[in-house]
Amino acid sequence: MDIEIAAIVIVLLVVTAFAVIPTGEPKPIEDPASKQLKMPRELLVPSDENEMMMIKSLLESEGIPYHVHNDNFGTLYPGPGNFALNERAIFVDESDYEAASALIREGKQE
């Protein structure tokens, strides 16, 4: 019984030591993936998870807003392989399409 109480106290001390206490007003984090696209245009359907992560990283590094259709679906191709329902596509705003396309072309060449 005493060992259980001691273990609980130690866990609480560790959790408290690593707790983050907010100071001041929280600052909103700009996430390009969370911005609403005005005129979405399909940029690309990645062939695998690595390509998806690379493209998202490139777009985020340049601050280009994007949306990934079926992004929270688990894995890139879950289930029995019904690609029409499971594929993920990256969309960007029509005004950012040319810049995003050029960025991806450059990224694939490197």
PDB file of N, CA and C in Angstrom:
ATOM      1  N   MET A   1       0.817  -1.184   0.000  1.00  0.00           N
ATOM      2  CA  MET A   1       0.000   0.000   0.000  1.00  0.00           C
ATOM      3  C   MET A   1       0.868   1.258   0.000  1.00  0.00           C
ATOM      4  N   ASP A   2       1.908   1.275   0.855  1.00  0.00           N
ATOM      5  CA  ASP A   2       2.793   2.436   0.916  1.00  0.00           C
ATOM      6  C   ASP A   2       3.562   2.619  -0.387  1.00  0.00           C
ATOM      7  N   ILE A   3       3.907   1.499  -1.046  1.00  0.00           N
ATOM      8  CA  ILE A   3       4.637   1.579  -2.320  1.00  0.00           C
ATOM      9  C   ILE A   3       3.749   2.191  -3.387  1.00  0.00           C
ATOM     10  N   GLU A   4       2.468   1.840  -3.392  1.00  0.00           N
ATOM     11  CA  GLU A   4       1.536   2.399  -4.370  1.00  0.00           C
ATOM     12  C   GLU A   4       1.383   3.898  -4.169  1.00  0.00           C
ATOM     13  N   ILE A   5       1.265   4.337  -2.930  1.00  0.00           N
ATOM     14  CA  ILE A   5       1.137   5.769  -2.651  1.00  0.00           C
ATOM     15  C   ILE A   5       2.408   6.501  -3.061  1.00  0.00           C
ATOM     16  N   ALA A   6       3.557   5.928  -2.750  1.00  0.00           N
ATOM     17  CA  ALA A   6       4.830   6.544  -3.135  1.00  0.00           C
ATOM     18  C   ALA A   6       4.944   6.644  -4.650  1.00  0.00           C
ATOM     19  N   ALA A   7       4.510   5.629  -5.370  1.00  0.00           N
ATOM     20  CA  ALA A   7       4.555   5.651  -6.831  1.00  0.00           C
ATOM     21  C   ALA A   7       3.649   6.743  -7.381  1.00  0.00           C
ATOM     22  N   ILE A   8       2.473   6.898  -6.796  1.00  0.00           N
ATOM     23  CA  ILE A   8       1.547   7.939  -7.247  1.00  0.00           C
ATOM     24  C   ILE A   8       2.135   9.319  -6.986  1.00  0.00           C
ATOM     25  N   VAL A   9       2.739   9.501  -5.825  1.00  0.00           N
ATOM     26  CA  VAL A   9       3.349  10.791  -5.497  1.00  0.00           C
ATOM     27  C   VAL A   9       4.479  11.111  -6.470  1.00  0.00           C
ATOM     28  N   ILE A  10       5.293  10.132  -6.797  1.00  0.00           N
ATOM     29  CA  ILE A  10       6.403  10.341  -7.735  1.00  0.00           C
ATOM     30  C   ILE A  10       5.873  10.713  -9.113  1.00  0.00           C
ATOM     31  N   VAL A  11       4.840  10.016  -9.562  1.00  0.00           N
ATOM     32  CA  VAL A  11       4.246  10.321 -10.867  1.00  0.00           C
ATOM     33  C   VAL A  11       3.699  11.745 -10.863  1.00  0.00           C
ATOM     34  N   LEU A  12       3.003  12.136  -9.810  1.00  0.00           N
ATOM     35  CA  LEU A  12       2.464  13.493  -9.735  1.00  0.00           C
ATOM     36  C   LEU A  12       3.571  14.540  -9.725  1.00  0.00           C
ATOM     37  N   LEU A  13       4.661  14.277  -9.040  1.00  0.00           N
ATOM     38  CA  LEU A  13       5.786  15.205  -9.024  1.00  0.00           C
ATOM     39  C   LEU A  13       6.416  15.354 -10.410  1.00  0.00           C
ATOM     40  N   VAL A  14       6.568  14.246 -11.110  1.00  0.00           N
ATOM     41  CA  VAL A  14       7.152  14.286 -12.454  1.00  0.00           C
ATOM     42  C   VAL A  14       6.235  15.033 -13.404  1.00  0.00           C
ATOM     43  N   VAL A  15       4.946  14.756 -13.353  1.00  0.00           N
ATOM     44  CA  VAL A  15       3.989  15.434 -14.230  1.00  0.00           C
ATOM     45  C   VAL A  15       3.978  16.928 -13.934  1.00  0.00           C
ATOM     46  N   THR A  16       3.999  17.288 -12.659  1.00  0.00           N
ATOM     47  CA  THR A  16       4.005  18.699 -12.275  1.00  0.00           C
ATOM     48  C   THR A  16       5.288  19.388 -12.725  1.00  0.00           C
ATOM     49  N   ALA A  17       6.403  18.694 -12.653  1.00  0.00           N
ATOM     50  CA  ALA A  17       7.683  19.281 -13.050  1.00  0.00           C
ATOM     51  C   ALA A  17       7.714  19.626 -14.531  1.00  0.00           C
ATOM     52  N   PHE A  18       7.020  18.831 -15.349  1.00  0.00           N
ATOM     53  CA  PHE A  18       7.030  19.058 -16.792  1.00  0.00           C
ATOM     54  C   PHE A  18       5.793  19.789 -17.294  1.00  0.00           C
ATOM     55  N   ALA A  19       4.946  20.240 -16.384  1.00  0.00           N
ATOM     56  CA  ALA A  19       3.738  20.958 -16.785  1.00  0.00           C
ATOM     57  C   ALA A  19       4.117  22.310 -17.359  1.00  0.00           C
ATOM     58  N   VAL A  20       3.425  22.716 -18.383  1.00  0.00           N
ATOM     59  CA  VAL A  20       3.658  24.014 -19.005  1.00  0.00           C
ATOM     60  C   VAL A  20       2.609  24.978 -18.476  1.00  0.00           C
ATOM     61  N   ILE A  21       3.069  26.033 -17.880  1.00  0.00           N
ATOM     62  CA  ILE A  21       2.161  27.027 -17.336  1.00  0.00           C
ATOM     63  C   ILE A  21       2.137  28.203 -18.305  1.00  0.00           C
ATOM     64  N   PRO A  22       0.970  28.472 -18.906  1.00  0.00           N
ATOM     65  CA  PRO A  22       0.902  29.560 -19.884  1.00  0.00           C
ATOM     66  C   PRO A  22       1.115  30.914 -19.223  1.00  0.00           C
ATOM     67  N   THR A  23       1.824  31.783 -19.910  1.00  0.00           N
ATOM     68  CA  THR A  23       2.051  33.135 -19.402  1.00  0.00           C
ATOM     69  C   THR A  23       1.535  34.118 -20.426  1.00  0.00           C
ATOM     70  N   GLY A  24       0.714  35.038 -20.014  1.00  0.00           N
ATOM     71  CA  GLY A  24       0.196  36.057 -20.918  1.00  0.00           C
ATOM     72  C   GLY A  24      -0.845  35.507 -21.867  1.00  0.00           C
ATOM     73  N   GLU A  25      -1.097  36.263 -22.918  1.00  0.00           N
ATOM     74  CA  GLU A  25      -2.081  35.890 -23.926  1.00  0.00           C
ATOM     75  C   GLU A  25      -1.520  34.836 -24.869  1.00  0.00           C
ATOM     76  N   PRO A  26      -2.304  33.810 -25.192  1.00  0.00           N
ATOM     77  CA  PRO A  26      -1.817  32.827 -26.167  1.00  0.00           C
ATOM     78  C   PRO A  26      -1.741  33.450 -27.553  1.00  0.00           C
ATOM     79  N   LYS A  27      -0.688  33.115 -28.275  1.00  0.00           N
ATOM     80  CA  LYS A  27      -0.511  33.642 -29.625  1.00  0.00           C
ATOM     81  C   LYS A  27      -0.993  32.601 -30.626  1.00  0.00           C
ATOM     82  N   PRO A  28      -1.819  33.021 -31.576  1.00  0.00           N
ATOM     83  CA  PRO A  28      -2.294  32.054 -32.568  1.00  0.00           C
ATOM     84  C   PRO A  28      -1.139  31.577 -33.447  1.00  0.00           C
ATOM     85  N   ILE A  29      -1.175  30.310 -33.776  1.00  0.00           N
ATOM     86  CA  ILE A  29      -0.145  29.722 -34.630  1.00  0.00           C
ATOM     87  C   ILE A  29      -0.669  29.699 -36.055  1.00  0.00           C
ATOM     88  N   GLU A  30       0.088  30.283 -36.954  1.00  0.00           N
ATOM     89  CA  GLU A  30      -0.295  30.282 -38.361  1.00  0.00           C
ATOM     90  C   GLU A  30       0.034  28.923 -38.973  1.00  0.00           C
ATOM     91  N   ASP A  31      -0.967  28.215 -39.368  1.00  0.00           N
ATOM     92  CA  ASP A  31      -0.781  26.916 -39.991  1.00  0.00           C
ATOM     93  C   ASP A  31      -1.332  26.983 -41.403  1.00  0.00           C
ATOM     94  N   PRO A  32      -0.465  26.871 -42.432  1.00  0.00           N
ATOM     95  CA  PRO A  32      -0.955  26.967 -43.811  1.00  0.00           C
ATOM     96  C   PRO A  32      -2.045  25.951 -44.135  1.00  0.00           C
ATOM     97  N   ALA A  33      -2.033  24.818 -43.439  1.00  0.00           N
ATOM     98  CA  ALA A  33      -3.037  23.793 -43.733  1.00  0.00           C
ATOM     99  C   ALA A  33      -4.404  24.155 -43.176  1.00  0.00           C
ATOM    100  N   SER A  34      -4.484  25.114 -42.262  1.00  0.00           N
ATOM    101  CA  SER A  34      -5.754  25.440 -41.632  1.00  0.00           C
ATOM    102  C   SER A  34      -6.469  26.608 -42.301  1.00  0.00           C
ATOM    103  N   LYS A  35      -5.824  27.278 -43.237  1.00  0.00           N
ATOM    104  CA  LYS A  35      -6.449  28.427 -43.885  1.00  0.00           C
ATOM    105  C   LYS A  35      -7.495  27.958 -44.896  1.00  0.00           C
ATOM    106  N   GLN A  36      -8.554  28.737 -45.000  1.00  0.00           N
ATOM    107  CA  GLN A  36      -9.622  28.421 -45.938  1.00  0.00           C
ATOM    108  C   GLN A  36      -9.202  28.817 -47.346  1.00  0.00           C
ATOM    109  N   LEU A  37      -9.334  27.905 -48.296  1.00  0.00           N
ATOM    110  CA  LEU A  37      -8.992  28.204 -49.687  1.00  0.00           C
ATOM    111  C   LEU A  37     -10.206  28.830 -50.369  1.00  0.00           C
ATOM    112  N   LYS A  38      -9.976  29.917 -51.122  1.00  0.00           N
ATOM    113  CA  LYS A  38     -11.077  30.604 -51.791  1.00  0.00           C
ATOM    114  C   LYS A  38     -11.478  29.883 -53.071  1.00  0.00           C
ATOM    115  N   MET A  39     -10.493  29.545 -53.884  1.00  0.00           N
ATOM    116  CA  MET A  39     -10.734  28.840 -55.148  1.00  0.00           C
ATOM    117  C   MET A  39      -9.812  27.624 -55.200  1.00  0.00           C
ATOM    118  N   PRO A  40     -10.184  26.506 -54.544  1.00  0.00           N
ATOM    119  CA  PRO A  40      -9.285  25.351 -54.488  1.00  0.00           C
ATOM    120  C   PRO A  40      -9.059  24.723 -55.865  1.00  0.00           C
ATOM    121  N   ARG A  41      -7.823  24.316 -56.078  1.00  0.00           N
ATOM    122  CA  ARG A  41      -7.451  23.621 -57.315  1.00  0.00           C
ATOM    123  C   ARG A  41      -6.548  22.460 -56.932  1.00  0.00           C
ATOM    124  N   GLU A  42      -6.825  21.288 -57.487  1.00  0.00           N
ATOM    125  CA  GLU A  42      -6.024  20.111 -57.150  1.00  0.00           C
ATOM    126  C   GLU A  42      -4.613  20.277 -57.676  1.00  0.00           C
ATOM    127  N   LEU A  43      -3.672  20.147 -56.761  1.00  0.00           N
ATOM    128  CA  LEU A  43      -2.269  20.280 -57.117  1.00  0.00           C
ATOM    129  C   LEU A  43      -1.669  18.942 -57.484  1.00  0.00           C
ATOM    130  N   LEU A  44      -1.917  17.928 -56.649  1.00  0.00           N
ATOM    131  CA  LEU A  44      -1.243  16.651 -56.841  1.00  0.00           C
ATOM    132  C   LEU A  44      -1.892  15.569 -55.980  1.00  0.00           C
ATOM    133  N   VAL A  45      -1.838  14.339 -56.467  1.00  0.00           N
ATOM    134  CA  VAL A  45      -2.182  13.164 -55.663  1.00  0.00           C
ATOM    135  C   VAL A  45      -0.878  12.416 -55.441  1.00  0.00           C
ATOM    136  N   PRO A  46      -0.332  12.484 -54.214  1.00  0.00           N
ATOM    137  CA  PRO A  46       0.962  11.846 -53.967  1.00  0.00           C
ATOM    138  C   PRO A  46       0.893  10.339 -54.102  1.00  0.00           C
ATOM    139  N   SER A  47       2.014   9.756 -54.481  1.00  0.00           N
ATOM    140  CA  SER A  47       2.054   8.308 -54.687  1.00  0.00           C
ATOM    141  C   SER A  47       2.257   7.542 -53.388  1.00  0.00           C
ATOM    142  N   ASP A  48       2.822   8.194 -52.368  1.00  0.00           N
ATOM    143  CA  ASP A  48       3.026   7.507 -51.085  1.00  0.00           C
ATOM    144  C   ASP A  48       3.129   8.531 -49.962  1.00  0.00           C
ATOM    145  N   GLU A  49       3.270   8.031 -48.750  1.00  0.00           N
ATOM    146  CA  GLU A  49       3.313   8.887 -47.561  1.00  0.00           C
ATOM    147  C   GLU A  49       4.534   9.818 -47.565  1.00  0.00           C
ATOM    148  N   ASN A  50       5.669   9.331 -48.048  1.00  0.00           N
ATOM    149  CA  ASN A  50       6.877  10.164 -48.087  1.00  0.00           C
ATOM    150  C   ASN A  50       6.699  11.369 -49.001  1.00  0.00           C
ATOM    151  N   GLU A  51       6.119  11.145 -50.162  1.00  0.00           N
ATOM    152  CA  GLU A  51       5.878  12.246 -51.083  1.00  0.00           C
ATOM    153  C   GLU A  51       4.887  13.243 -50.480  1.00  0.00           C
ATOM    154  N   MET A  52       3.870  12.725 -49.777  1.00  0.00           N
ATOM    155  CA  MET A  52       2.889  13.590 -49.116  1.00  0.00           C
ATOM    156  C   MET A  52       3.575  14.502 -48.101  1.00  0.00           C
ATOM    157  N   MET A  53       4.424  13.931 -47.277  1.00  0.00           N
ATOM    158  CA  MET A  53       5.108  14.713 -46.244  1.00  0.00           C
ATOM    159  C   MET A  53       6.055  15.733 -46.857  1.00  0.00           C
ATOM    160  N   MET A  54       6.748  15.363 -47.936  1.00  0.00           N
ATOM    161  CA  MET A  54       7.670  16.279 -48.588  1.00  0.00           C
ATOM    162  C   MET A  54       6.923  17.483 -49.163  1.00  0.00           C
ATOM    163  N   ILE A  55       5.805  17.220 -49.829  1.00  0.00           N
ATOM    164  CA  ILE A  55       5.046  18.299 -50.458  1.00  0.00           C
ATOM    165  C   ILE A  55       4.446  19.221 -49.399  1.00  0.00           C
ATOM    166  N   LYS A  56       3.896  18.640 -48.352  1.00  0.00           N
ATOM    167  CA  LYS A  56       3.343  19.460 -47.274  1.00  0.00           C
ATOM    168  C   LYS A  56       4.429  20.334 -46.652  1.00  0.00           C
ATOM    169  N   SER A  57       5.602  19.770 -46.469  1.00  0.00           N
ATOM    170  CA  SER A  57       6.717  20.518 -45.897  1.00  0.00           C
ATOM    171  C   SER A  57       7.146  21.664 -46.810  1.00  0.00           C
ATOM    172  N   LEU A  58       7.222  21.399 -48.110  1.00  0.00           N
ATOM    173  CA  LEU A  58       7.588  22.447 -49.062  1.00  0.00           C
ATOM    174  C   LEU A  58       6.574  23.589 -49.045  1.00  0.00           C
ATOM    175  N   LEU A  59       5.290  23.241 -49.054  1.00  0.00           N
ATOM    176  CA  LEU A  59       4.246  24.261 -49.053  1.00  0.00           C
ATOM    177  C   LEU A  59       4.266  25.074 -47.755  1.00  0.00           C
ATOM    178  N   GLU A  60       4.448  24.389 -46.639  1.00  0.00           N
ATOM    179  CA  GLU A  60       4.498  25.088 -45.355  1.00  0.00           C
ATOM    180  C   GLU A  60       5.706  26.009 -45.271  1.00  0.00           C
ATOM    181  N   SER A  61       6.839  25.571 -45.823  1.00  0.00           N
ATOM    182  CA  SER A  61       8.051  26.398 -45.753  1.00  0.00           C
ATOM    183  C   SER A  61       7.889  27.710 -46.521  1.00  0.00           C
ATOM    184  N   GLU A  62       7.055  27.699 -47.543  1.00  0.00           N
ATOM    185  CA  GLU A  62       6.822  28.908 -48.337  1.00  0.00           C
ATOM    186  C   GLU A  62       5.554  29.648 -47.907  1.00  0.00           C
ATOM    187  N   GLY A  63       4.845  29.101 -46.922  1.00  0.00           N
ATOM    188  CA  GLY A  63       3.630  29.752 -46.432  1.00  0.00           C
ATOM    189  C   GLY A  63       2.465  29.678 -47.398  1.00  0.00           C
ATOM    190  N   ILE A  64       2.455  28.663 -48.264  1.00  0.00           N
ATOM    191  CA  ILE A  64       1.371  28.495 -49.225  1.00  0.00           C
ATOM    192  C   ILE A  64       0.257  27.695 -48.553  1.00  0.00           C
ATOM    193  N   PRO A  65      -0.939  28.277 -48.424  1.00  0.00           N
ATOM    194  CA  PRO A  65      -2.051  27.542 -47.815  1.00  0.00           C
ATOM    195  C   PRO A  65      -2.437  26.340 -48.679  1.00  0.00           C
ATOM    196  N   TYR A  66      -2.781  25.243 -48.022  1.00  0.00           N
ATOM    197  CA  TYR A  66      -3.173  24.032 -48.746  1.00  0.00           C
ATOM    198  C   TYR A  66      -4.217  23.274 -47.942  1.00  0.00           C
ATOM    199  N   HIS A  67      -4.853  22.341 -48.615  1.00  0.00           N
ATOM    200  CA  HIS A  67      -5.808  21.443 -47.975  1.00  0.00           C
ATOM    201  C   HIS A  67      -5.549  20.050 -48.526  1.00  0.00           C
ATOM    202  N   VAL A  68      -5.540  19.053 -47.655  1.00  0.00           N
ATOM    203  CA  VAL A  68      -5.362  17.673 -48.092  1.00  0.00           C
ATOM    204  C   VAL A  68      -6.697  16.958 -47.925  1.00  0.00           C
ATOM    205  N   HIS A  69      -7.310  16.609 -49.042  1.00  0.00           N
ATOM    206  CA  HIS A  69      -8.570  15.874 -49.007  1.00  0.00           C
ATOM    207  C   HIS A  69      -8.299  14.465 -48.482  1.00  0.00           C
ATOM    208  N   ASN A  70      -9.061  14.018 -47.488  1.00  0.00           N
ATOM    209  CA  ASN A  70      -8.901  12.712 -46.816  1.00  0.00           C
ATOM    210  C   ASN A  70      -7.625  12.656 -45.984  1.00  0.00           C
ATOM    211  N   ASP A  71      -7.134  13.794 -45.500  1.00  0.00           N
ATOM    212  CA  ASP A  71      -5.877  13.824 -44.752  1.00  0.00           C
ATOM    213  C   ASP A  71      -5.920  12.994 -43.479  1.00  0.00           C
ATOM    214  N   ASN A  72      -7.011  13.011 -42.759  1.00  0.00           N
ATOM    215  CA  ASN A  72      -7.101  12.303 -41.488  1.00  0.00           C
ATOM    216  C   ASN A  72      -7.723  10.927 -41.642  1.00  0.00           C
ATOM    217  N   PHE A  73      -7.418  10.287 -42.718  1.00  0.00           N
ATOM    218  CA  PHE A  73      -8.014   8.986 -43.013  1.00  0.00           C
ATOM    219  C   PHE A  73      -7.221   7.833 -42.427  1.00  0.00           C
ATOM    220  N   GLY A  74      -6.131   8.101 -41.745  1.00  0.00           N
ATOM    221  CA  GLY A  74      -5.329   7.040 -41.141  1.00  0.00           C
ATOM    222  C   GLY A  74      -4.042   6.855 -41.901  1.00  0.00           C
ATOM    223  N   THR A  75      -4.059   6.016 -42.896  1.00  0.00           N
ATOM    224  CA  THR A  75      -2.884   5.825 -43.738  1.00  0.00           C
ATOM    225  C   THR A  75      -3.239   6.266 -45.148  1.00  0.00           C
ATOM    226  N   LEU A  76      -2.254   6.275 -46.009  1.00  0.00           N
ATOM    227  CA  LEU A  76      -2.507   6.782 -47.352  1.00  0.00           C
ATOM    228  C   LEU A  76      -3.513   5.928 -48.104  1.00  0.00           C
ATOM    229  N   TYR A  77      -3.394   4.614 -48.019  1.00  0.00           N
ATOM    230  CA  TYR A  77      -4.322   3.716 -48.702  1.00  0.00           C
ATOM    231  C   TYR A  77      -4.825   2.641 -47.741  1.00  0.00           C
ATOM    232  N   PRO A  78      -5.720   3.019 -46.807  1.00  0.00           N
ATOM    233  CA  PRO A  78      -6.227   2.022 -45.862  1.00  0.00           C
ATOM    234  C   PRO A  78      -7.264   1.114 -46.515  1.00  0.00           C
ATOM    235  N   GLY A  79      -7.561   0.038 -45.852  1.00  0.00           N
ATOM    236  CA  GLY A  79      -8.640  -0.844 -46.304  1.00  0.00           C
ATOM    237  C   GLY A  79      -8.248  -1.742 -47.448  1.00  0.00           C
ATOM    238  N   PRO A  80      -9.252  -2.247 -48.137  1.00  0.00           N
ATOM    239  CA  PRO A  80      -9.009  -3.251 -49.181  1.00  0.00           C
ATOM    240  C   PRO A  80      -8.484  -2.694 -50.491  1.00  0.00           C
ATOM    241  N   GLY A  81      -8.162  -1.425 -50.550  1.00  0.00           N
ATOM    242  CA  GLY A  81      -7.569  -0.885 -51.766  1.00  0.00           C
ATOM    243  C   GLY A  81      -8.540  -0.184 -52.684  1.00  0.00           C
ATOM    244  N   ASN A  82      -9.577   0.430 -52.144  1.00  0.00           N
ATOM    245  CA  ASN A  82     -10.515   1.193 -52.946  1.00  0.00           C
ATOM    246  C   ASN A  82      -9.949   2.601 -53.113  1.00  0.00           C
ATOM    247  N   PHE A  83      -9.073   2.777 -54.087  1.00  0.00           N
ATOM    248  CA  PHE A  83      -8.325   4.018 -54.224  1.00  0.00           C
ATOM    249  C   PHE A  83      -9.220   5.220 -54.525  1.00  0.00           C
ATOM    250  N   ALA A  84     -10.332   5.011 -55.188  1.00  0.00           N
ATOM    251  CA  ALA A  84     -11.222   6.130 -55.499  1.00  0.00           C
ATOM    252  C   ALA A  84     -11.758   6.776 -54.228  1.00  0.00           C
ATOM    253  N   LEU A  85     -11.926   6.008 -53.181  1.00  0.00           N
ATOM    254  CA  LEU A  85     -12.446   6.540 -51.923  1.00  0.00           C
ATOM    255  C   LEU A  85     -11.342   6.929 -50.950  1.00  0.00           C
ATOM    256  N   ASN A  86     -10.169   6.332 -51.072  1.00  0.00           N
ATOM    257  CA  ASN A  86      -9.140   6.488 -50.052  1.00  0.00           C
ATOM    258  C   ASN A  86      -7.981   7.391 -50.430  1.00  0.00           C
ATOM    259  N   GLU A  87      -7.837   7.768 -51.690  1.00  0.00           N
ATOM    260  CA  GLU A  87      -6.675   8.558 -52.054  1.00  0.00           C
ATOM    261  C   GLU A  87      -6.751   9.954 -51.446  1.00  0.00           C
ATOM    262  N   ARG A  88      -5.580  10.506 -51.175  1.00  0.00           N
ATOM    263  CA  ARG A  88      -5.491  11.851 -50.628  1.00  0.00           C
ATOM    264  C   ARG A  88      -4.964  12.776 -51.710  1.00  0.00           C
ATOM    265  N   ALA A  89      -5.607  13.900 -51.863  1.00  0.00           N
ATOM    266  CA  ALA A  89      -5.204  14.886 -52.865  1.00  0.00           C
ATOM    267  C   ALA A  89      -4.885  16.199 -52.172  1.00  0.00           C
ATOM    268  N   ILE A  90      -3.861  16.877 -52.669  1.00  0.00           N
ATOM    269  CA  ILE A  90      -3.465  18.168 -52.122  1.00  0.00           C
ATOM    270  C   ILE A  90      -4.061  19.264 -53.001  1.00  0.00           C
ATOM    271  N   PHE A  91      -4.767  20.180 -52.354  1.00  0.00           N
ATOM    272  CA  PHE A  91      -5.368  21.308 -53.045  1.00  0.00           C
ATOM    273  C   PHE A  91      -4.711  22.597 -52.562  1.00  0.00           C
ATOM    274  N   VAL A  92      -4.515  23.532 -53.484  1.00  0.00           N
ATOM    275  CA  VAL A  92      -4.039  24.865 -53.144  1.00  0.00           C
ATOM    276  C   VAL A  92      -5.006  25.864 -53.768  1.00  0.00           C
ATOM    277  N   ASP A  93      -4.898  27.108 -53.354  1.00  0.00           N
ATOM    278  CA  ASP A  93      -5.732  28.146 -53.928  1.00  0.00           C
ATOM    279  C   ASP A  93      -5.302  28.384 -55.375  1.00  0.00           C
ATOM    280  N   GLU A  94      -6.253  28.739 -56.205  1.00  0.00           N
ATOM    281  CA  GLU A  94      -5.975  28.989 -57.623  1.00  0.00           C
ATOM    282  C   GLU A  94      -4.854  30.017 -57.790  1.00  0.00           C
ATOM    283  N   SER A  95      -4.834  31.041 -56.939  1.00  0.00           N
ATOM    284  CA  SER A  95      -3.818  32.090 -57.046  1.00  0.00           C
ATOM    285  C   SER A  95      -2.415  31.591 -56.668  1.00  0.00           C
ATOM    286  N   ASP A  96      -2.328  30.498 -55.905  1.00  0.00           N
ATOM    287  CA  ASP A  96      -1.031  29.948 -55.489  1.00  0.00           C
ATOM    288  C   ASP A  96      -0.602  28.743 -56.316  1.00  0.00           C
ATOM    289  N   TYR A  97      -1.423  28.358 -57.288  1.00  0.00           N
ATOM    290  CA  TYR A  97      -1.175  27.117 -58.017  1.00  0.00           C
ATOM    291  C   TYR A  97       0.168  27.124 -58.752  1.00  0.00           C
ATOM    292  N   GLU A  98       0.462  28.178 -59.477  1.00  0.00           N
ATOM    293  CA  GLU A  98       1.708  28.229 -60.257  1.00  0.00           C
ATOM    294  C   GLU A  98       2.932  28.184 -59.338  1.00  0.00           C
ATOM    295  N   ALA A  99       2.899  28.950 -58.258  1.00  0.00           N
ATOM    296  CA  ALA A  99       4.029  28.966 -57.324  1.00  0.00           C
ATOM    297  C   ALA A  99       4.209  27.597 -56.672  1.00  0.00           C
ATOM    298  N   ALA A 100       3.105  26.964 -56.296  1.00  0.00           N
ATOM    299  CA  ALA A 100       3.177  25.637 -55.666  1.00  0.00           C
ATOM    300  C   ALA A 100       3.690  24.595 -56.650  1.00  0.00           C
ATOM    301  N   SER A 101       3.244  24.665 -57.896  1.00  0.00           N
ATOM    302  CA  SER A 101       3.713  23.717 -58.920  1.00  0.00           C
ATOM    303  C   SER A 101       5.212  23.859 -59.149  1.00  0.00           C
ATOM    304  N   ALA A 102       5.675  25.089 -59.252  1.00  0.00           N
ATOM    305  CA  ALA A 102       7.104  25.326 -59.456  1.00  0.00           C
ATOM    306  C   ALA A 102       7.912  24.849 -58.255  1.00  0.00           C
ATOM    307  N   LEU A 103       7.395  25.068 -57.072  1.00  0.00           N
ATOM    308  CA  LEU A 103       8.072  24.635 -55.855  1.00  0.00           C
ATOM    309  C   LEU A 103       8.208  23.118 -55.817  1.00  0.00           C
ATOM    310  N   ILE A 104       7.167  22.421 -56.201  1.00  0.00           N
ATOM    311  CA  ILE A 104       7.205  20.956 -56.197  1.00  0.00           C
ATOM    312  C   ILE A 104       8.149  20.436 -57.282  1.00  0.00           C
ATOM    313  N   ARG A 105       8.147  21.065 -58.450  1.00  0.00           N
ATOM    314  CA  ARG A 105       9.074  20.652 -59.502  1.00  0.00           C
ATOM    315  C   ARG A 105      10.519  20.794 -59.028  1.00  0.00           C
ATOM    316  N   GLU A 106      10.822  21.917 -58.390  1.00  0.00           N
ATOM    317  CA  GLU A 106      12.169  22.149 -57.863  1.00  0.00           C
ATOM    318  C   GLU A 106      12.524  21.130 -56.775  1.00  0.00           C
ATOM    319  N   GLY A 107      11.558  20.846 -55.913  1.00  0.00           N
ATOM    320  CA  GLY A 107      11.781  19.893 -54.833  1.00  0.00           C
ATOM    321  C   GLY A 107      12.036  18.490 -55.336  1.00  0.00           C
ATOM    322  N   LYS A 108      11.368  18.098 -56.411  1.00  0.00           N
ATOM    323  CA  LYS A 108      11.553  16.753 -56.971  1.00  0.00           C
ATOM    324  C   LYS A 108      12.878  16.624 -57.706  1.00  0.00           C
ATOM    325  N   GLN A 109      13.404  17.733 -58.215  1.00  0.00           N
ATOM    326  CA  GLN A 109      14.677  17.689 -58.931  1.00  0.00           C
ATOM    327  C   GLN A 109      15.846  17.519 -57.985  1.00  0.00           C
ATOM    328  N   GLU A 110      15.695  17.981 -56.736  1.00  0.00           N
ATOM    329  CA  GLU A 110      16.811  17.909 -55.775  1.00  0.00           C
ATOM    330  C   GLU A 110      16.985  16.546 -55.212  1.00  0.00           C
TER     331      GLU A 110
END
